[in-house]
C-alpha atoms as a PDB file:
ATOM      1  CA  UNK A   1     -55.745   9.214  94.224  1.00  0.00           C
ATOM      2  CA  UNK A   2     -53.867   6.180  93.801  1.00  0.00           C
ATOM      3  CA  UNK A   3     -52.739   7.266  90.600  1.00  0.00           C
ATOM      4  CA  UNK A   4     -51.044  10.512  91.942  1.00  0.00           C
ATOM      5  CA  UNK A   5     -49.609   8.450  94.699  1.00  0.00           C
ATOM      6  CA  UNK A   6     -48.086   6.231  92.201  1.00  0.00           C
ATOM      7  CA  UNK A   7     -46.795   9.088  90.046  1.00  0.00           C
ATOM      8  CA  UNK A   8     -45.075  10.915  93.016  1.00  0.00           C
ATOM      9  CA  UNK A   9     -43.484   7.868  94.324  1.00  0.00           C
ATOM     10  CA  UNK A  10     -42.198   6.152  91.183  1.00  0.00           C
ATOM     11  CA  UNK A  11     -40.104   8.643  89.490  1.00  0.00           C
ATOM     12  CA  UNK A  12     -38.718  12.345  89.517  1.00  0.00           C
ATOM     13  CA  UNK A  13     -41.304  14.678  88.663  1.00  0.00           C
ATOM     14  CA  UNK A  14     -41.035  17.740  86.326  1.00  0.00           C
ATOM     15  CA  UNK A  15     -41.801  21.086  87.823  1.00  0.00           C
ATOM     16  CA  UNK A  16     -44.940  21.413  86.107  1.00  0.00           C
ATOM     17  CA  UNK A  17     -46.041  18.001  87.202  1.00  0.00           C
ATOM     18  CA  UNK A  18     -45.393  18.715  90.782  1.00  0.00           C
ATOM     19  CA  UNK A  19     -47.289  22.135  90.991  1.00  0.00           C
ATOM     20  CA  UNK A  20     -50.245  20.613  89.119  1.00  0.00           C
ATOM     21  CA  UNK A  21     -50.534  17.939  91.667  1.00  0.00           C
ATOM     22  CA  UNK A  22     -49.929  20.364  94.413  1.00  0.00           C
ATOM     23  CA  UNK A  23     -52.659  22.102  93.148  1.00  0.00           C
ATOM     24  CA  UNK A  24     -55.135  19.345  93.087  1.00  0.00           C
ATOM     25  CA  UNK A  25     -53.930  18.318  96.604  1.00  0.00           C
ATOM     26  CA  UNK A  26     -54.658  21.623  97.986  1.00  0.00           C
ATOM     27  CA  UNK A  27     -58.145  21.899  96.492  1.00  0.00           C
ATOM     28  CA  UNK A  28     -58.732  18.377  97.912  1.00  0.00           C
ATOM     29  CA  UNK A  29     -57.525  19.982 101.581  1.00  0.00           C
ATOM     30  CA  UNK A  30     -59.202  23.332 101.161  1.00  0.00           C
ATOM     31  CA  UNK A  31     -61.146  23.153 104.222  1.00  0.00           C
ATOM     32  CA  UNK A  32     -57.854  22.265 106.075  1.00  0.00           C
ATOM     33  CA  UNK A  33     -56.012  25.146 104.666  1.00  0.00           C
ATOM     34  CA  UNK A  34     -58.959  27.282 105.666  1.00  0.00           C
ATOM     35  CA  UNK A  35     -59.036  25.900 109.230  1.00  0.00           C
ATOM     36  CA  UNK A  36     -55.500  26.736 109.358  1.00  0.00           C
ATOM     37  CA  UNK A  37     -55.855  30.141 108.131  1.00  0.00           C
ATOM     38  CA  UNK A  38     -58.476  30.965 111.021  1.00  0.00           C
ATOM     39  CA  UNK A  39     -56.850  29.384 113.665  1.00  0.00           C
ATOM     40  CA  UNK A  40     -52.897  29.680 112.954  1.00  0.00           C
ATOM     41  CA  UNK A  41     -52.665  32.477 110.305  1.00  0.00           C
ATOM     42  CA  UNK A  42     -55.237  35.197 111.519  1.00  0.00           C
ATOM     43  CA  UNK A  43     -53.315  35.184 114.963  1.00  0.00           C
ATOM     44  CA  UNK A  44     -50.043  35.489 113.161  1.00  0.00           C
ATOM     45  CA  UNK A  45     -51.325  38.301 110.597  1.00  0.00           C
ATOM     46  CA  UNK A  46     -52.343  40.319 113.564  1.00  0.00           C
ATOM     47  CA  UNK A  47     -48.942  39.984 115.110  1.00  0.00           C
ATOM     48  CA  UNK A  48     -47.318  40.734 111.592  1.00  0.00           C
ATOM     49  CA  UNK A  49     -49.237  43.888 111.257  1.00  0.00           C
ATOM     50  CA  UNK A  50     -48.543  44.980 114.666  1.00  0.00           C
ATOM     51  CA  UNK A  51     -44.709  44.697 113.980  1.00  0.00           C
ATOM     52  CA  UNK A  52     -45.147  46.363 110.538  1.00  0.00           C
ATOM     53  CA  UNK A  53     -47.050  49.383 112.106  1.00  0.00           C
ATOM     54  CA  UNK A  54     -44.220  49.672 114.608  1.00  0.00           C
ATOM     55  CA  UNK A  55     -41.369  49.508 111.646  1.00  0.00           C
ATOM     56  CA  UNK A  56     -43.112  52.003 109.747  1.00  0.00           C
ATOM     57  CA  UNK A  57     -43.297  54.627 112.631  1.00  0.00           C
ATOM     58  CA  UNK A  58     -39.217  53.655 113.139  1.00  0.00           C
ATOM     59  CA  UNK A  59     -38.813  54.221 109.513  1.00  0.00           C
ATOM     60  CA  UNK A  60     -40.681  57.856 109.515  1.00  0.00           C
ATOM     61  CA  UNK A  61     -38.820  58.713 112.819  1.00  0.00           C
ATOM     62  CA  UNK A  62     -35.385  58.033 110.826  1.00  0.00           C
ATOM     63  CA  UNK A  63     -36.662  60.134 107.520  1.00  0.00           C
ATOM     64  CA  UNK A  64     -37.423  62.976 109.955  1.00  0.00           C
ATOM     65  CA  UNK A  65     -33.790  62.498 111.698  1.00  0.00           C
ATOM     66  CA  UNK A  66     -32.274  62.517 108.269  1.00  0.00           C
ATOM     67  CA  UNK A  67     -34.055  65.704 107.380  1.00  0.00           C
ATOM     68  CA  UNK A  68     -33.161  67.500 110.453  1.00  0.00           C
ATOM     69  CA  UNK A  69     -30.361  70.050 110.929  1.00  0.00           C
ATOM     70  CA  UNK A  70     -28.636  68.289 113.723  1.00  0.00           C
ATOM     71  CA  UNK A  71     -29.116  64.762 115.058  1.00  0.00           C
ATOM     72  CA  UNK A  72     -27.547  63.310 118.366  1.00  0.00           C
ATOM     73  CA  UNK A  73     -25.728  60.346 118.452  1.00  0.00           C
ATOM     74  CA  UNK A  74     -28.334  58.890 120.986  1.00  0.00           C
ATOM     75  CA  UNK A  75     -31.410  59.681 118.664  1.00  0.00           C
ATOM     76  CA  UNK A  76     -29.823  57.821 115.929  1.00  0.00           C
ATOM     77  CA  UNK A  77     -28.620  54.994 117.678  1.00  0.00           C
ATOM     78  CA  UNK A  78     -32.249  54.585 119.390  1.00  0.00           C
ATOM     79  CA  UNK A  79     -34.145  54.599 116.093  1.00  0.00           C
ATOM     80  CA  UNK A  80     -31.570  52.289 114.200  1.00  0.00           C
ATOM     81  CA  UNK A  81     -32.066  49.713 117.486  1.00  0.00           C
ATOM     82  CA  UNK A  82     -35.805  49.958 116.747  1.00  0.00           C
ATOM     83  CA  UNK A  83     -35.546  49.179 113.078  1.00  0.00           C
ATOM     84  CA  UNK A  84     -33.256  46.107 113.951  1.00  0.00           C
ATOM     85  CA  UNK A  85     -35.648  44.962 116.458  1.00  0.00           C
ATOM     86  CA  UNK A  86     -38.701  45.181 114.632  1.00  0.00           C
ATOM     87  CA  UNK A  87     -36.709  43.402 111.415  1.00  0.00           C
ATOM     88  CA  UNK A  88     -35.548  40.709 113.685  1.00  0.00           C
ATOM     89  CA  UNK A  89     -39.297  40.291 115.086  1.00  0.00           C
ATOM     90  CA  UNK A  90     -40.769  39.796 111.610  1.00  0.00           C
ATOM     91  CA  UNK A  91     -37.836  37.265 111.051  1.00  0.00           C
ATOM     92  CA  UNK A  92     -38.690  35.503 114.297  1.00  0.00           C
ATOM     93  CA  UNK A  93     -42.436  35.100 113.375  1.00  0.00           C
ATOM     94  CA  UNK A  94     -41.607  33.878 110.024  1.00  0.00           C
ATOM     95  CA  UNK A  95     -39.055  31.271 111.261  1.00  0.00           C
ATOM     96  CA  UNK A  96     -40.794  30.201 114.500  1.00  0.00           C
ATOM     97  CA  UNK A  97     -44.463  30.798 113.954  1.00  0.00           C
ATOM     98  CA  UNK A  98     -45.439  30.358 110.441  1.00  0.00           C
ATOM     99  CA  UNK A  99     -44.152  26.916 110.383  1.00  0.00           C
ATOM    100  CA  UNK A 100     -46.934  25.661 112.516  1.00  0.00           C
ATOM    101  CA  UNK A 101     -49.188  26.458 109.435  1.00  0.00           C
ATOM    102  CA  UNK A 102     -46.360  25.380 106.950  1.00  0.00           C
ATOM    103  CA  UNK A 103     -46.160  21.912 108.849  1.00  0.00           C
ATOM    104  CA  UNK A 104     -49.944  21.536 109.317  1.00  0.00           C
ATOM    105  CA  UNK A 105     -50.409  21.754 105.678  1.00  0.00           C
ATOM    106  CA  UNK A 106     -47.639  19.738 104.545  1.00  0.00           C
ATOM    107  CA  UNK A 107     -49.037  16.798 106.531  1.00  0.00           C
ATOM    108  CA  UNK A 108     -52.565  17.335 105.428  1.00  0.00           C
ATOM    109  CA  UNK A 109     -51.139  17.035 101.726  1.00  0.00           C
ATOM    110  CA  UNK A 110     -49.049  13.825 102.287  1.00  0.00           C
ATOM    111  CA  UNK A 111     -52.142  12.168 104.146  1.00  0.00           C
ATOM    112  CA  UNK A 112     -54.526  13.139 101.293  1.00  0.00           C
ATOM    113  CA  UNK A 113     -52.087  11.919  98.737  1.00  0.00           C
ATOM    114  CA  UNK A 114     -51.896   8.422 100.702  1.00  0.00           C
ATOM    115  CA  UNK A 115     -55.570   8.344 100.794  1.00  0.00           C
ATOM    116  CA  UNK A 116     -55.422   8.943 104.702  1.00  0.00           C
ATOM    117  CA  UNK A 117     -57.501  11.513 106.693  1.00  0.00           C
ATOM    118  CA  UNK A 118     -57.432  12.493 110.216  1.00  0.00           C
ATOM    119  CA  UNK A 119     -60.121  15.146 111.495  1.00  0.00           C
ATOM    120  CA  UNK A 120     -58.940  18.504 110.387  1.00  0.00           C
ATOM    121  CA  UNK A 121     -57.386  19.990 113.648  1.00  0.00           C
ATOM    122  CA  UNK A 122     -55.175  17.013 113.994  1.00  0.00           C
ATOM    123  CA  UNK A 123     -52.339  18.283 111.484  1.00  0.00           C
ATOM    124  CA  UNK A 124     -52.228  21.316 113.274  1.00  0.00           C
ATOM    125  CA  UNK A 125     -51.865  19.978 116.836  1.00  0.00           C
ATOM    126  CA  UNK A 126     -49.194  17.733 115.634  1.00  0.00           C
ATOM    127  CA  UNK A 127     -47.472  20.803 113.990  1.00  0.00           C
ATOM    128  CA  UNK A 128     -47.376  22.619 117.448  1.00  0.00           C
ATOM    129  CA  UNK A 129     -46.148  19.468 118.953  1.00  0.00           C
ATOM    130  CA  UNK A 130     -42.998  19.962 116.496  1.00  0.00           C
ATOM    131  CA  UNK A 131     -42.590  23.272 117.668  1.00  0.00           C
ATOM    132  CA  UNK A 132     -39.831  22.885 119.918  1.00  0.00           C
ATOM    133  CA  UNK A 133     -37.655  21.423 117.125  1.00  0.00           C
ATOM    134  CA  UNK A 134     -38.715  24.055 114.767  1.00  0.00           C
ATOM    135  CA  UNK A 135     -37.639  26.559 117.343  1.00  0.00           C
ATOM    136  CA  UNK A 136     -34.235  24.996 117.951  1.00  0.00           C
ATOM    137  CA  UNK A 137     -33.497  24.474 114.216  1.00  0.00           C
ATOM    138  CA  UNK A 138     -34.938  28.036 113.492  1.00  0.00           C
ATOM    139  CA  UNK A 139     -32.416  29.669 115.690  1.00  0.00           C
ATOM    140  CA  UNK A 140     -29.517  28.152 113.945  1.00  0.00           C
ATOM    141  CA  UNK A 141     -31.269  29.108 110.297  1.00  0.00           C
ATOM    142  CA  UNK A 142     -32.070  32.355 111.329  1.00  0.00           C
ATOM    143  CA  UNK A 143     -28.593  33.102 112.689  1.00  0.00           C
ATOM    144  CA  UNK A 144     -26.693  31.543 109.574  1.00  0.00           C
ATOM    145  CA  UNK A 145     -29.316  33.276 107.272  1.00  0.00           C
ATOM    146  CA  UNK A 146     -29.001  36.708 108.898  1.00  0.00           C
ATOM    147  CA  UNK A 147     -25.219  36.279 108.455  1.00  0.00           C
ATOM    148  CA  UNK A 148     -25.466  35.008 104.800  1.00  0.00           C
ATOM    149  CA  UNK A 149     -27.916  37.960 103.786  1.00  0.00           C
ATOM    150  CA  UNK A 150     -24.859  40.716 104.063  1.00  0.00           C
ATOM    151  CA  UNK A 151     -23.610  38.868 100.937  1.00  0.00           C
ATOM    152  CA  UNK A 152     -26.917  38.482  98.920  1.00  0.00           C
ATOM    153  CA  UNK A 153     -25.449  35.763  96.790  1.00  0.00           C
ATOM    154  CA  UNK A 154     -24.818  33.411  99.987  1.00  0.00           C
ATOM    155  CA  UNK A 155     -28.327  34.386 101.168  1.00  0.00           C
ATOM    156  CA  UNK A 156     -29.998  33.119  97.809  1.00  0.00           C
ATOM    157  CA  UNK A 157     -28.129  30.077  97.823  1.00  0.00           C
ATOM    158  CA  UNK A 158     -28.904  29.112 101.357  1.00  0.00           C
ATOM    159  CA  UNK A 159     -32.704  29.940 100.693  1.00  0.00           C
ATOM    160  CA  UNK A 160     -32.625  27.095  98.003  1.00  0.00           C
ATOM    161  CA  UNK A 161     -30.695  24.674  99.652  1.00  0.00           C
ATOM    162  CA  UNK A 162     -32.594  24.861 103.132  1.00  0.00           C
ATOM    163  CA  UNK A 163     -36.104  25.049 101.396  1.00  0.00           C
ATOM    164  CA  UNK A 164     -37.233  21.658 102.393  1.00  0.00           C
ATOM    165  CA  UNK A 165     -36.078  21.925 106.211  1.00  0.00           C
ATOM    166  CA  UNK A 166     -39.379  22.290 107.266  1.00  0.00           C
ATOM    167  CA  UNK A 167     -40.573  19.345 105.186  1.00  0.00           C
ATOM    168  CA  UNK A 168     -37.689  17.229 106.767  1.00  0.00           C
ATOM    169  CA  UNK A 169     -38.897  17.971 110.290  1.00  0.00           C
ATOM    170  CA  UNK A 170     -42.347  17.403 109.436  1.00  0.00           C
ATOM    171  CA  UNK A 171     -42.614  14.458 107.046  1.00  0.00           C
ATOM    172  CA  UNK A 172     -38.875  13.161 107.292  1.00  0.00           C
ATOM    173  CA  UNK A 173     -38.442  12.481 110.961  1.00  0.00           C
ATOM    174  CA  UNK A 174     -35.481  14.959 111.345  1.00  0.00           C
ATOM    175  CA  UNK A 175     -35.540  16.222 114.892  1.00  0.00           C
ATOM    176  CA  UNK A 176     -32.353  18.536 114.874  1.00  0.00           C
ATOM    177  CA  UNK A 177     -30.130  20.813 112.723  1.00  0.00           C
ATOM    178  CA  UNK A 178     -29.843  17.527 110.618  1.00  0.00           C
ATOM    179  CA  UNK A 179     -33.002  18.890 108.908  1.00  0.00           C
ATOM    180  CA  UNK A 180     -30.688  21.783 107.562  1.00  0.00           C
ATOM    181  CA  UNK A 181     -28.287  19.247 106.128  1.00  0.00           C
ATOM    182  CA  UNK A 182     -30.570  16.902 104.836  1.00  0.00           C
ATOM    183  CA  UNK A 183     -32.361  19.583 102.877  1.00  0.00           C
ATOM    184  CA  UNK A 184     -29.122  20.421 101.390  1.00  0.00           C
ATOM    185  CA  UNK A 185     -28.763  16.651 100.116  1.00  0.00           C
ATOM    186  CA  UNK A 186     -32.344  16.753  98.604  1.00  0.00           C
ATOM    187  CA  UNK A 187     -31.119  19.978  96.850  1.00  0.00           C
ATOM    188  CA  UNK A 188     -27.636  18.881  95.843  1.00  0.00           C
ATOM    189  CA  UNK A 189     -27.183  18.262  91.847  1.00  0.00           C
ATOM    190  CA  UNK A 190     -30.463  19.973  91.182  1.00  0.00           C
ATOM    191  CA  UNK A 191     -29.922  23.576  92.823  1.00  0.00           C
ATOM    192  CA  UNK A 192     -30.954  25.248  89.524  1.00  0.00           C
ATOM    193  CA  UNK A 193     -33.976  22.798  88.736  1.00  0.00           C
ATOM    194  CA  UNK A 194     -35.089  23.531  92.518  1.00  0.00           C
ATOM    195  CA  UNK A 195     -34.374  27.592  91.928  1.00  0.00           C
ATOM    196  CA  UNK A 196     -36.329  27.468  88.986  1.00  0.00           C
ATOM    197  CA  UNK A 197     -39.098  25.614  90.763  1.00  0.00           C
ATOM    198  CA  UNK A 198     -39.224  28.205  93.405  1.00  0.00           C
ATOM    199  CA  UNK A 199     -39.253  30.969  91.136  1.00  0.00           C
ATOM    200  CA  UNK A 200     -42.378  29.529  89.330  1.00  0.00           C
ATOM    201  CA  UNK A 201     -44.011  29.293  92.713  1.00  0.00           C
ATOM    202  CA  UNK A 202     -42.787  32.748  93.434  1.00  0.00           C
ATOM    203  CA  UNK A 203     -44.319  34.152  90.179  1.00  0.00           C
ATOM    204  CA  UNK A 204     -47.787  32.488  90.943  1.00  0.00           C
ATOM    205  CA  UNK A 205     -47.800  33.989  94.606  1.00  0.00           C
ATOM    206  CA  UNK A 206     -46.835  37.247  93.465  1.00  0.00           C
ATOM    207  CA  UNK A 207     -49.671  37.213  90.767  1.00  0.00           C
ATOM    208  CA  UNK A 208     -52.226  35.726  93.249  1.00  0.00           C
ATOM    209  CA  UNK A 209     -51.490  38.022  95.945  1.00  0.00           C
ATOM    210  CA  UNK A 210     -51.437  40.846  93.583  1.00  0.00           C
ATOM    211  CA  UNK A 211     -55.122  40.022  92.797  1.00  0.00           C
ATOM    212  CA  UNK A 212     -55.830  39.728  96.286  1.00  0.00           C
ATOM    213  CA  UNK A 213     -54.199  43.505  96.662  1.00  0.00           C
ATOM    214  CA  UNK A 214     -56.244  44.973  94.082  1.00  0.00           C
ATOM    215  CA  UNK A 215     -59.613  43.447  95.555  1.00  0.00           C
ATOM    216  CA  UNK A 216     -58.733  44.990  98.975  1.00  0.00           C
ATOM    217  CA  UNK A 217     -58.218  48.347  97.552  1.00  0.00           C
ATOM    218  CA  UNK A 218     -62.139  48.534  97.328  1.00  0.00           C
ATOM    219  CA  UNK A 219     -61.832  48.429 101.157  1.00  0.00           C
ATOM    220  CA  UNK A 220     -60.684  51.215 103.518  1.00  0.00           C
ATOM    221  CA  UNK A 221     -57.139  51.077 104.204  1.00  0.00           C
ATOM    222  CA  UNK A 222     -56.524  50.369 107.842  1.00  0.00           C
ATOM    223  CA  UNK A 223     -55.211  47.796 110.519  1.00  0.00           C
ATOM    224  CA  UNK A 224     -58.331  45.544 110.250  1.00  0.00           C
ATOM    225  CA  UNK A 225     -58.203  45.674 106.382  1.00  0.00           C
ATOM    226  CA  UNK A 226     -54.452  45.009 106.608  1.00  0.00           C
ATOM    227  CA  UNK A 227     -54.722  42.102 108.877  1.00  0.00           C
ATOM    228  CA  UNK A 228     -57.348  40.309 106.819  1.00  0.00           C
ATOM    229  CA  UNK A 229     -55.558  40.872 103.902  1.00  0.00           C
ATOM    230  CA  UNK A 230     -52.422  39.146 105.310  1.00  0.00           C
ATOM    231  CA  UNK A 231     -54.420  36.270 106.525  1.00  0.00           C
ATOM    232  CA  UNK A 232     -56.003  36.010 103.032  1.00  0.00           C
ATOM    233  CA  UNK A 233     -52.353  35.767 101.493  1.00  0.00           C
ATOM    234  CA  UNK A 234     -52.101  32.478 103.396  1.00  0.00           C
ATOM    235  CA  UNK A 235     -54.363  30.855 101.007  1.00  0.00           C
ATOM    236  CA  UNK A 236     -51.733  31.191  98.152  1.00  0.00           C
ATOM    237  CA  UNK A 237     -49.349  29.863 100.805  1.00  0.00           C
ATOM    238  CA  UNK A 238     -51.308  26.958 101.354  1.00  0.00           C
ATOM    239  CA  UNK A 239     -50.846  26.117  97.565  1.00  0.00           C
ATOM    240  CA  UNK A 240     -47.199  26.721  97.730  1.00  0.00           C
ATOM    241  CA  UNK A 241     -46.782  24.417 100.496  1.00  0.00           C
ATOM    242  CA  UNK A 242     -48.983  21.652  98.841  1.00  0.00           C
ATOM    243  CA  UNK A 243     -46.567  21.701  95.843  1.00  0.00           C
ATOM    244  CA  UNK A 244     -43.491  21.778  97.822  1.00  0.00           C
ATOM    245  CA  UNK A 245     -44.736  18.824  99.843  1.00  0.00           C
ATOM    246  CA  UNK A 246     -45.116  16.996  96.686  1.00  0.00           C
ATOM    247  CA  UNK A 247     -41.554  17.769  95.680  1.00  0.00           C
ATOM    248  CA  UNK A 248     -40.308  16.816  98.789  1.00  0.00           C
ATOM    249  CA  UNK A 249     -41.924  13.564  98.726  1.00  0.00           C
ATOM    250  CA  UNK A 250     -40.633  13.052  95.369  1.00  0.00           C
ATOM    251  CA  UNK A 251     -37.083  13.836  96.202  1.00  0.00           C
ATOM    252  CA  UNK A 252     -37.029  11.627  99.417  1.00  0.00           C
ATOM    253  CA  UNK A 253     -38.544   8.813  98.205  1.00  0.00           C
ATOM    254  CA  UNK A 254     -36.534   8.827  95.156  1.00  0.00           C
ATOM    255  CA  UNK A 255     -33.197   9.491  96.553  1.00  0.00           C
ATOM    256  CA  UNK A 256     -33.956   7.540 100.212  1.00  0.00           C
ATOM    257  CA  UNK A 257     -36.519   5.259  99.638  1.00  0.00           C
ATOM    258  CA  UNK A 258     -40.098   5.367 101.819  1.00  0.00           C
ATOM    259  CA  UNK A 259     -38.380   4.546 105.085  1.00  0.00           C
ATOM    260  CA  UNK A 260     -38.349   8.141 106.494  1.00  0.00           C
ATOM    261  CA  UNK A 261     -41.810   8.712 105.138  1.00  0.00           C
ATOM    262  CA  UNK A 262     -43.600   5.838 106.989  1.00  0.00           C
ATOM    263  CA  UNK A 263     -45.727   7.167 109.606  1.00  0.00           C
ATOM    264  CA  UNK A 264     -47.279   5.784 112.967  1.00  0.00           C
ATOM    265  CA  UNK A 265     -50.609   4.431 112.738  1.00  0.00           C
ATOM    266  CA  UNK A 266     -51.721   7.118 115.337  1.00  0.00           C
ATOM    267  CA  UNK A 267     -50.572   9.858 113.409  1.00  0.00           C
ATOM    268  CA  UNK A 268     -52.982   9.387 110.204  1.00  0.00           C
ATOM    269  CA  UNK A 269     -56.590   7.429 110.479  1.00  0.00           C
ATOM    270  CA  UNK A 270     -58.405   5.621 107.886  1.00  0.00           C
ATOM    271  CA  UNK A 271     -58.139   5.721 104.044  1.00  0.00           C
ATOM    272  CA  UNK A 272     -60.420   8.410 102.550  1.00  0.00           C
ATOM    273  CA  UNK A 273     -63.009   7.136 100.219  1.00  0.00           C
ATOM    274  CA  UNK A 274     -62.103   8.349  96.680  1.00  0.00           C
END
């Protein structure tokens, strides 16, 4: 583990190195990831599927109205309002609740890299303590990203420059909207490199989730199956977060040194035997 730590903190990593190290740390932390899937991801998956059902119903009503001979303005307004509400609910879950899982896995990845380990629940308890900050920054993120989404290219640009903001909160001690600005600094001059890294992770995620989807076609398609499938995709999310954490630690330490990455003794316990 010391070799991996020296590699991450000594020089700028190539995209394939960051993914390879992230993959190793993911398997080292597999029990923590699974715990997060059960305690955090399963309730989120249940909520996401409830919202998804509501959205499907709204879209079906919208299609029925579009095929109808006459549609009142009130009917159209009510359906469009429902579609907008469910879209905002989905985005809110992603921005406000999923970060608990992301932050927990990110902390576990850093602690494992540094040969530290706390009990498995510690990382997620700390993630929950950061939720007020996540909500505060997430509101700004969601508002700006929502505005940018009307213009496709700005939305893609913002998605890349802000890709580290949760890691800035979780590991870099950023406690406000400066997390968004600091993420932009970490990406500055490396936008295309970061974009390529995210594309590589996206391709992997698409492939792995595709395999999961094929496996789940063997089971009846219903709400329960959909919820379990959504929860299973967080296994892929765990690998993505592990690799993103490695890249963040590499960028942060390379550009700003180790000061922001130092943790209090209470946050991580004794070194792990290798």
